[in-house]
N, C-alpha and C. Protein backbone atom coordinates (compact mmCIF):
# COMPACT_ATOMS: atom_id res chain seq x y z
N UNK A 1 0.96 -1.23 0.20
CA UNK A 1 -0.05 0.12 -0.22
C UNK A 1 0.76 1.25 -0.27
N UNK A 2 0.21 2.11 -0.85
CA UNK A 2 1.28 3.71 -0.86
C UNK A 2 0.85 4.40 0.35
N UNK A 3 2.38 5.16 0.61
CA UNK A 3 1.52 6.00 1.82
C UNK A 3 1.28 7.45 1.49
N UNK A 4 0.96 8.49 2.18
CA UNK A 4 0.84 9.76 1.70
C UNK A 4 1.48 10.24 2.68
N UNK A 5 2.36 10.78 1.83
CA UNK A 5 3.12 12.31 2.46
C UNK A 5 2.64 13.41 3.04
N UNK A 6 2.65 13.04 4.45
CA UNK A 6 1.83 14.52 5.10
C UNK A 6 2.28 15.46 5.06
N UNK A 7 3.63 15.69 5.08
CA UNK A 7 4.53 17.05 4.69
C UNK A 7 3.94 17.65 3.36
N UNK A 8 3.85 16.92 2.14
CA UNK A 8 3.78 17.77 1.17
C UNK A 8 2.28 18.04 0.93
N UNK A 9 1.26 17.21 1.63
CA UNK A 9 -0.20 17.58 1.69
C UNK A 9 -0.54 18.78 2.59
N UNK A 10 0.56 19.09 3.59
CA UNK A 10 0.17 20.01 4.44
C UNK A 10 0.91 21.55 3.60
N UNK A 11 1.92 21.17 3.01
CA UNK A 11 2.20 22.23 2.23
C UNK A 11 1.69 22.80 0.94
N UNK A 12 0.49 21.80 0.64
CA UNK A 12 -0.44 22.02 -0.37
C UNK A 12 -1.51 23.10 0.38
N UNK A 13 -1.87 22.55 1.35
CA UNK A 13 -2.96 23.10 2.06
C UNK A 13 -2.23 24.42 2.56
N UNK A 14 -1.14 24.96 3.09
CA UNK A 14 -0.92 26.03 3.42
C UNK A 14 -1.04 27.00 2.21
N UNK A 15 -0.35 26.54 1.08
CA UNK A 15 -0.24 27.07 0.18
C UNK A 15 -2.02 27.95 -0.53
N UNK A 16 -2.67 26.66 -0.48
CA UNK A 16 -4.44 27.28 -0.99
C UNK A 16 -4.60 28.10 -0.15
N UNK A 17 -4.55 27.54 1.14
CA UNK A 17 -5.02 28.95 2.47
C UNK A 17 -4.22 30.29 1.91
N UNK A 18 -3.25 30.25 1.77
CA UNK A 18 -2.85 31.63 1.46
C UNK A 18 -3.06 32.25 0.18
N UNK A 19 -3.62 31.24 -0.78
CA UNK A 19 -3.73 31.69 -2.23
C UNK A 19 -5.43 32.36 -1.97
N UNK A 20 -5.80 31.62 -1.28
CA UNK A 20 -7.33 32.02 -0.79
C UNK A 20 -7.54 33.31 -0.43
N UNK A 21 -6.57 33.42 0.95
CA UNK A 21 -6.54 34.58 1.31
C UNK A 21 -5.93 36.14 0.70
N UNK A 22 -5.08 35.81 -0.11
CA UNK A 22 -4.72 36.85 -1.22
C UNK A 22 -5.50 37.13 -2.11
N UNK A 23 -6.85 36.30 -2.19
CA UNK A 23 -7.77 36.73 -3.49
C UNK A 23 -8.73 37.38 -2.40
N UNK A 24 -8.81 37.16 -1.37
CA UNK A 24 -9.92 37.77 -0.40
C UNK A 24 -9.41 39.51 -0.01
N UNK A 25 -8.26 39.62 0.08
CA UNK A 25 -7.59 40.75 0.88
C UNK A 25 -7.52 41.38 -0.78
N UNK A 26 -7.47 41.05 -2.09
CA UNK A 26 -7.15 41.68 -3.19
C UNK A 26 -9.17 42.08 -3.71
N UNK A 27 -9.49 41.18 -3.56
CA UNK A 27 -11.04 41.32 -4.04
C UNK A 27 -11.37 42.44 -3.19
N UNK A 28 -11.15 42.83 -1.50
CA UNK A 28 -11.94 44.00 -0.96
C UNK A 28 -11.35 45.05 -1.06
N UNK A 29 -9.87 45.14 -1.77
CA UNK A 29 -9.13 46.33 -1.89
C UNK A 29 -10.17 46.83 -3.31
N UNK A 30 -10.34 45.93 -4.02
CA UNK A 30 -11.12 46.20 -5.34
C UNK A 30 -12.01 46.75 -5.20
N UNK A 31 -13.03 46.08 -4.20
CA UNK A 31 -14.40 46.35 -4.60
C UNK A 31 -15.04 47.62 -3.30
N UNK A 32 -13.78 47.77 -1.99
CA UNK A 32 -14.03 48.66 -1.40
C UNK A 32 -12.92 49.69 -1.04
N UNK A 33 -11.97 49.72 -2.19
CA UNK A 33 -11.02 50.47 -1.69
C UNK A 33 -11.27 52.16 -1.91
N UNK A 34 -10.84 53.25 -1.75
CA UNK A 34 -9.69 53.01 -0.82
C UNK A 34 -9.89 52.16 0.59
N UNK A 35 -9.48 51.30 1.41
CA UNK A 35 -9.71 50.73 2.62
C UNK A 35 -8.29 50.63 3.16
N UNK A 36 -8.68 50.92 4.45
CA UNK A 36 -7.41 50.17 5.50
C UNK A 36 -7.08 48.80 5.80
N UNK A 37 -6.05 48.71 6.05
CA UNK A 37 -5.88 47.61 6.47
C UNK A 37 -6.59 46.83 7.62
N UNK A 38 -6.83 47.70 8.72
CA UNK A 38 -7.68 47.89 9.87
C UNK A 38 -8.79 47.39 9.53
N UNK A 39 -9.87 48.24 8.54
CA UNK A 39 -11.25 48.03 7.61
C UNK A 39 -11.23 46.44 7.46
N UNK A 40 -10.13 46.26 6.37
CA UNK A 40 -10.17 44.50 6.07
C UNK A 40 -10.30 43.52 6.95
N UNK A 41 -9.18 43.81 7.78
CA UNK A 41 -9.22 42.81 9.20
C UNK A 41 -10.58 42.87 9.71
N UNK A 42 -11.27 43.74 10.00
CA UNK A 42 -12.51 43.70 10.97
C UNK A 42 -13.50 43.02 9.76
N UNK A 43 -13.78 43.13 8.31
CA UNK A 43 -14.92 42.72 7.75
C UNK A 43 -14.23 41.09 7.41
N UNK A 44 -12.77 40.98 7.29
CA UNK A 44 -12.50 39.27 6.64
C UNK A 44 -12.14 38.66 7.63
N UNK A 45 -11.79 39.25 9.11
CA UNK A 45 -11.37 38.06 10.28
C UNK A 45 -10.24 37.90 10.24
N UNK A 46 -9.30 38.10 9.25
CA UNK A 46 -8.08 37.65 8.70
C UNK A 46 -7.34 38.62 9.75
N UNK A 47 -6.32 37.89 10.58
CA UNK A 47 -4.87 38.22 11.26
C UNK A 47 -4.16 40.04 10.65
N UNK A 48 -4.21 40.62 11.29
CA UNK A 48 -3.61 42.12 11.07
C UNK A 48 -2.33 41.27 10.35
N UNK A 49 -1.57 40.80 11.06
CA UNK A 49 0.13 40.21 10.01
C UNK A 49 -0.02 39.56 9.02
N UNK A 50 -1.53 38.57 8.71
CA UNK A 50 -1.72 37.77 7.73
C UNK A 50 -1.60 38.99 6.22
N UNK A 51 -2.62 40.23 6.99
CA UNK A 51 -3.24 40.94 5.78
C UNK A 51 -1.64 41.66 5.61
N UNK A 52 -0.74 42.15 6.37
CA UNK A 52 0.19 42.85 6.16
C UNK A 52 1.04 42.40 5.43
N UNK A 53 1.29 41.16 5.67
CA UNK A 53 2.31 40.06 4.86
C UNK A 53 1.69 39.96 3.22
N UNK A 54 0.30 40.00 3.24
CA UNK A 54 -0.28 40.02 1.77
C UNK A 54 -0.35 41.25 1.19
N UNK A 55 -0.45 42.47 1.89
CA UNK A 55 -0.31 43.63 1.18
C UNK A 55 0.89 43.84 0.76
N UNK A 56 2.08 43.72 1.24
CA UNK A 56 3.34 43.42 0.71
C UNK A 56 3.22 42.94 -0.39
N UNK A 57 2.83 41.57 -0.59
CA UNK A 57 3.04 41.03 -1.77
C UNK A 57 2.30 41.23 -2.87
N UNK A 58 1.36 41.97 -2.80
CA UNK A 58 0.46 42.85 -3.82
C UNK A 58 1.25 44.07 -3.84
N UNK A 59 1.68 44.63 -3.05
CA UNK A 59 2.32 46.23 -3.70
C UNK A 59 3.79 45.63 -4.12
N UNK A 60 4.69 44.54 -4.09
CA UNK A 60 5.56 44.27 -4.65
C UNK A 60 5.26 43.55 -6.55
N UNK A 61 3.69 43.14 -6.55
CA UNK A 61 3.52 42.58 -7.56
C UNK A 61 2.41 43.76 -8.32
N UNK A 62 2.98 45.31 -7.90
CA UNK A 62 2.28 46.54 -8.43
C UNK A 62 0.87 45.87 -8.59
N UNK A 63 0.09 45.01 -7.61
CA UNK A 63 -1.42 45.40 -8.09
C UNK A 63 -2.11 46.30 -7.17
N UNK A 64 -1.77 46.64 -5.60
CA UNK A 64 -2.14 47.71 -5.47
C UNK A 64 -1.24 48.82 -4.77
N UNK A 65 -1.51 49.84 -4.34
CA UNK A 65 -0.40 50.47 -3.92
C UNK A 65 -1.38 51.76 -2.46
N UNK A 66 -0.58 52.06 -1.95
CA UNK A 66 -1.08 53.08 -0.74
C UNK A 66 -1.16 54.49 -1.13
N UNK A 67 -2.29 54.84 -0.52
CA UNK A 67 -2.83 56.32 -0.77
C UNK A 67 -3.08 56.57 0.45
N UNK A 68 -2.99 58.29 0.60
CA UNK A 68 -3.39 58.96 1.98
C UNK A 68 -4.63 59.22 2.02
N UNK A 69 -5.33 59.02 2.90
CA UNK A 69 -6.56 59.08 3.20
C UNK A 69 -7.02 60.80 4.13
N UNK A 70 -8.06 61.09 3.89
CA UNK A 70 -8.18 62.25 4.99
C UNK A 70 -8.01 62.57 6.11
N UNK A 71 -7.61 63.16 6.75
CA UNK A 71 -6.60 63.48 7.90
C UNK A 71 -7.91 63.96 8.85
N UNK A 72 -8.25 63.46 10.03
CA UNK A 72 -9.20 64.17 11.12
C UNK A 72 -8.54 64.84 12.07
N UNK A 73 -7.11 65.26 12.12
CA UNK A 73 -6.73 65.71 13.08
C UNK A 73 -5.29 65.30 13.10
N UNK A 74 -5.04 64.13 12.98
CA UNK A 74 -3.80 63.42 13.30
C UNK A 74 -3.24 63.28 12.34
N UNK A 75 -2.17 61.86 12.18
CA UNK A 75 -2.04 61.93 10.66
C UNK A 75 -2.61 61.07 10.17
N UNK A 76 -2.59 61.19 8.70
CA UNK A 76 -3.55 60.74 7.48
C UNK A 76 -3.37 59.49 7.67
N UNK A 77 -4.56 58.39 7.72
CA UNK A 77 -4.61 57.02 7.35
C UNK A 77 -4.07 56.73 5.96
N UNK A 78 -3.30 55.52 6.17
CA UNK A 78 -2.67 54.83 4.91
C UNK A 78 -3.76 53.82 4.57
N UNK A 79 -4.51 54.16 3.38
CA UNK A 79 -5.38 53.27 2.71
C UNK A 79 -4.72 52.62 1.45
N UNK A 80 -5.38 51.37 1.19
CA UNK A 80 -5.06 50.55 -0.20
C UNK A 80 -5.92 50.57 -0.97
N UNK A 81 -5.25 51.20 -2.29
CA UNK A 81 -6.13 50.84 -3.21
C UNK A 81 -5.66 50.10 -4.46
N UNK A 82 -6.73 49.89 -5.84
CA UNK A 82 -6.29 49.50 -6.57
C UNK A 82 -5.32 50.15 -7.44
N UNK A 83 -4.26 49.21 -8.07
CA UNK A 83 -3.53 50.07 -9.21
C UNK A 83 -3.94 49.63 -10.18
N UNK A 84 -4.05 50.53 -11.20
CA UNK A 84 -4.91 50.59 -12.33
C UNK A 84 -4.29 50.74 -13.36
N UNK A 85 -3.11 51.33 -13.59
CA UNK A 85 -2.45 51.83 -14.72
C UNK A 85 -1.00 50.85 -15.23
N UNK A 86 -0.88 50.10 -14.43
CA UNK A 86 0.06 48.81 -14.96
C UNK A 86 -0.47 47.48 -15.54
N UNK A 87 -1.94 47.56 -15.63
CA UNK A 87 -2.09 46.10 -16.33
C UNK A 87 -3.58 46.71 -16.72
N UNK A 88 -4.06 45.80 -17.87
CA UNK A 88 -5.14 45.98 -18.46
C UNK A 88 -5.78 44.14 -18.78
N UNK A 89 -7.22 44.09 -18.47
CA UNK A 89 -7.90 42.57 -19.62
C UNK A 89 -8.37 43.07 -20.12
N UNK A 90 -8.28 42.10 -20.95
CA UNK A 90 -8.89 41.97 -22.32
C UNK A 90 -9.59 41.08 -22.83
N UNK A 91 -10.68 41.27 -23.41
CA UNK A 91 -11.96 40.20 -23.86
C UNK A 91 -12.10 40.19 -24.85
N UNK A 92 -12.16 39.10 -25.54
CA UNK A 92 -12.68 38.80 -26.80
C UNK A 92 -14.09 37.56 -26.79
N UNK A 93 -14.83 38.32 -28.04
CA UNK A 93 -15.72 37.32 -28.26
C UNK A 93 -15.95 37.20 -30.01
N UNK A 94 -15.64 36.02 -29.90
CA UNK A 94 -15.47 34.99 -31.57
C UNK A 94 -16.79 34.69 -31.80
N UNK A 95 -17.77 35.63 -32.14
CA UNK A 95 -18.76 35.26 -33.09
C UNK A 95 -18.98 34.25 -34.16
N UNK A 96 -20.13 34.27 -34.64
CA UNK A 96 -19.89 33.21 -36.00
C UNK A 96 -20.10 34.43 -36.91
N UNK A 97 -20.95 35.33 -36.47
CA UNK A 97 -21.03 36.71 -37.60
C UNK A 97 -19.86 37.99 -37.52
N UNK A 98 -19.80 38.27 -35.84
CA UNK A 98 -18.74 39.63 -35.63
C UNK A 98 -17.86 38.74 -34.58
N UNK A 99 -16.97 39.60 -34.51
CA UNK A 99 -16.07 39.35 -33.38
C UNK A 99 -15.85 41.21 -32.41
N UNK A 100 -16.17 40.70 -31.31
CA UNK A 100 -15.97 41.66 -30.44
C UNK A 100 -14.82 42.21 -29.05
N UNK A 101 -14.02 42.77 -29.37
CA UNK A 101 -12.72 42.80 -28.81
C UNK A 101 -13.04 44.14 -27.50
N UNK A 102 -12.39 44.34 -26.63
CA UNK A 102 -12.61 45.28 -25.57
C UNK A 102 -11.33 44.90 -24.60
N UNK A 103 -10.97 46.33 -23.84
CA UNK A 103 -10.04 45.97 -23.04
C UNK A 103 -10.49 47.00 -22.08
N UNK A 104 -10.11 46.80 -20.32
CA UNK A 104 -10.21 47.50 -19.02
C UNK A 104 -9.17 47.47 -18.27
N UNK A 105 -9.43 48.44 -17.62
CA UNK A 105 -8.45 48.83 -16.67
C UNK A 105 -8.70 47.73 -15.25
N UNK A 106 -8.03 47.53 -14.09
CA UNK A 106 -8.32 46.19 -13.49
C UNK A 106 -9.48 46.44 -12.54
N UNK A 107 -9.97 47.93 -12.66
CA UNK A 107 -10.95 48.30 -12.06
C UNK A 107 -12.16 47.94 -12.58
N UNK A 108 -11.98 48.20 -13.58
CA UNK A 108 -12.92 47.55 -14.97
C UNK A 108 -13.68 48.25 -15.71
N UNK A 109 -13.24 49.57 -15.99
CA UNK A 109 -13.30 50.84 -16.38
C UNK A 109 -13.08 50.37 -17.87
N UNK A 110 -13.74 50.61 -18.93
CA UNK A 110 -13.36 50.24 -20.24
C UNK A 110 -12.69 51.24 -20.94
N UNK A 111 -11.55 50.55 -21.28
CA UNK A 111 -10.58 51.37 -22.19
C UNK A 111 -10.60 51.88 -23.62
N UNK A 112 -10.97 50.59 -24.36
CA UNK A 112 -11.43 50.78 -25.67
C UNK A 112 -12.33 49.52 -26.13
N UNK A 113 -12.95 49.43 -27.27
CA UNK A 113 -13.45 48.48 -27.77
C UNK A 113 -13.46 48.37 -29.27
N UNK A 114 -13.91 47.31 -29.91
CA UNK A 114 -13.71 47.55 -31.31
C UNK A 114 -14.86 45.98 -31.92
N UNK A 115 -15.43 46.60 -33.52
CA UNK A 115 -16.20 45.49 -33.60
C UNK A 115 -15.65 45.06 -35.15
N UNK A 116 -15.89 43.86 -35.46
CA UNK A 116 -15.64 43.46 -36.60
C UNK A 116 -16.96 42.57 -37.52
N UNK A 117 -17.01 42.59 -38.70
CA UNK A 117 -18.08 41.80 -39.20
C UNK A 117 -19.22 42.17 -38.91
């Protein structure tokens, strides 16, 4: 009988959880941003340390950026916002009669579209 290597299974499970948490944080920034780390922690029940690690990864990958919020007398809060200038999403619909192409930034704002046929 073949034995299961639990170390590999645990590593895979850990990577899966990390990927899911990364998607959760990125989606919160995309849908609710600009948003603070504290607000993400409150909404998702993720640990602040986990959020900080994920935010650092997303900043290195140039998917999010820090922006200053409005100050209410003290230091302005550091908010997270989706970085839309360096990446685009492309969509192509290859129909039998016509082809439609469109591009948008990561926030979903359409940049260009074209039709043929």
